[in-house]
Amino acid sequence: MIYNFKENLRNELDYQDITIKELSARTGIPVASLDCYLGTRATVPSVVAAIKIAQALKVTVEYLTISKNADTTRLEKKPRRETLELINWVENLNLEQSKAVLKLVKTFKN
């Protein structure tokens, strides 16, 4: 279970593009403590700390502690930063360019 918390927390921070320092500011949990949860020793946070982290990340505590699939337990699914950048870029293309990008994306999907 320790490994799952560490892995799930790291994955969620990466997914949301949130730094440990920013998570610390959102939760009031010291950066050193967060580092311990993510470090090689992967200490287990208290229940209160796990709840604060889950609330700050808008995920369930179950996801952080036992889940193997973030998509099924994320409370508020938000697009990744890269997805938003792509959308903004594509919106500024003309129709012909948009169709070409769509065709390329469909090629990657298949």
Protein backbone atom coordinates (compact mmCIF):
# COMPACT_ATOMS: atom_id res chain seq x y z
CA MET A 1 0.00 0.00 0.00
CA ILE A 2 2.89 2.39 0.65
CA TYR A 3 4.09 1.94 -2.90
CA ASN A 4 0.63 2.68 -4.28
CA PHE A 5 0.36 5.94 -2.35
CA LYS A 6 3.78 7.08 -3.49
CA GLU A 7 3.15 6.11 -7.11
CA ASN A 8 -0.39 7.49 -7.22
CA LEU A 9 0.62 10.77 -5.61
CA ARG A 10 3.53 11.21 -8.02
CA ASN A 11 1.31 10.36 -11.01
CA GLU A 12 -1.37 12.81 -9.93
CA LEU A 13 1.12 15.62 -9.33
CA ASP A 14 2.58 15.02 -12.79
CA TYR A 15 -0.88 14.76 -14.38
CA GLN A 16 -2.02 18.05 -12.86
CA ASP A 17 1.40 19.68 -13.35
CA ILE A 18 1.60 20.58 -9.65
CA THR A 19 4.87 20.94 -7.77
CA ILE A 20 5.48 19.66 -4.27
CA LYS A 21 5.87 23.26 -3.13
CA GLU A 22 2.46 24.16 -4.58
CA LEU A 23 0.86 21.10 -2.94
CA SER A 24 2.43 22.16 0.35
CA ALA A 25 0.89 25.62 0.00
CA ARG A 26 -2.54 24.13 -0.77
CA THR A 27 -2.48 21.65 2.12
CA GLY A 28 -0.35 23.26 4.81
CA ILE A 29 1.76 20.08 4.87
CA PRO A 30 5.49 20.88 4.98
CA VAL A 31 7.49 20.21 1.83
CA ALA A 32 9.77 17.94 3.86
CA SER A 33 6.82 15.74 4.80
CA LEU A 34 5.62 15.55 1.20
CA ASP A 35 9.16 14.64 0.15
CA CYS A 36 9.05 11.78 2.65
CA TYR A 37 5.83 10.46 1.11
CA LEU A 38 7.42 10.52 -2.34
CA GLY A 39 10.98 9.52 -1.43
CA THR A 40 12.74 6.19 -1.51
CA ARG A 41 11.55 5.31 1.99
CA ALA A 42 7.98 6.33 1.07
CA THR A 43 6.63 7.00 4.53
CA VAL A 44 2.88 6.71 5.00
CA PRO A 45 1.02 9.96 5.71
CA SER A 46 -1.45 10.28 8.54
CA VAL A 47 -5.12 9.97 7.69
CA VAL A 48 -5.52 13.73 8.12
CA ALA A 49 -2.61 14.42 5.76
CA ALA A 50 -3.94 11.96 3.17
CA ILE A 51 -7.35 13.65 3.27
CA LYS A 52 -5.79 17.11 2.87
CA ILE A 53 -3.75 15.91 -0.11
CA ALA A 54 -6.75 14.24 -1.74
CA GLN A 55 -8.90 17.34 -1.28
CA ALA A 56 -6.20 19.62 -2.68
CA LEU A 57 -5.80 17.38 -5.74
CA LYS A 58 -9.56 16.78 -6.10
CA VAL A 59 -9.16 13.01 -6.02
CA THR A 60 -10.42 10.38 -3.62
CA VAL A 61 -8.35 9.11 -0.73
CA GLU A 62 -8.97 5.62 -2.12
CA TYR A 63 -7.24 6.58 -5.35
CA LEU A 64 -4.18 7.81 -3.50
CA THR A 65 -3.97 4.77 -1.26
CA ILE A 66 -5.12 1.74 -3.22
CA SER A 67 -6.23 2.54 -6.76
CA LYS A 68 -4.41 1.48 -9.89
CA ASN A 69 -6.57 3.55 -12.26
CA ALA A 70 -6.80 7.31 -11.74
CA ASP A 71 -9.48 7.82 -14.37
CA THR A 72 -12.08 5.88 -12.39
CA THR A 73 -11.53 7.73 -9.11
CA ARG A 74 -10.68 11.28 -10.14
CA LEU A 75 -13.43 13.53 -8.74
CA GLU A 76 -13.01 16.28 -11.29
CA LYS A 77 -11.43 15.19 -14.54
CA LYS A 78 -9.54 18.09 -16.01
CA PRO A 79 -7.65 18.06 -19.29
CA ARG A 80 -3.88 18.05 -19.02
CA ARG A 81 -1.99 21.27 -19.70
CA GLU A 82 -0.67 19.83 -22.98
CA THR A 83 -4.21 19.05 -24.14
CA LEU A 84 -5.32 22.61 -23.47
CA GLU A 85 -2.31 23.94 -25.38
CA LEU A 86 -3.19 21.76 -28.36
CA ILE A 87 -6.80 22.93 -28.30
CA ASN A 88 -5.75 26.59 -28.22
CA TRP A 89 -3.32 26.05 -31.08
CA VAL A 90 -5.81 24.15 -33.26
CA GLU A 91 -8.52 26.77 -32.71
CA ASN A 92 -6.30 29.30 -34.48
CA LEU A 93 -5.89 27.16 -37.61
CA ASN A 94 -7.95 27.56 -40.74
CA LEU A 95 -10.39 24.82 -41.74
CA GLU A 96 -7.98 23.06 -44.07
CA GLN A 97 -5.23 23.00 -41.44
CA SER A 98 -7.67 21.74 -38.79
CA LYS A 99 -8.72 18.87 -41.03
CA ALA A 100 -5.06 17.96 -41.61
CA VAL A 101 -4.37 17.94 -37.86
CA LEU A 102 -7.46 15.82 -37.23
CA LYS A 103 -6.33 13.32 -39.85
CA LEU A 104 -2.89 13.14 -38.21
CA VAL A 105 -4.38 12.59 -34.76
CA LYS A 106 -6.64 9.84 -36.08
CA THR A 107 -3.55 8.15 -37.54
CA PHE A 108 -1.90 8.16 -34.10
CA LYS A 109 -5.07 6.83 -32.48
CA ASN A 110 -5.17 3.83 -34.80
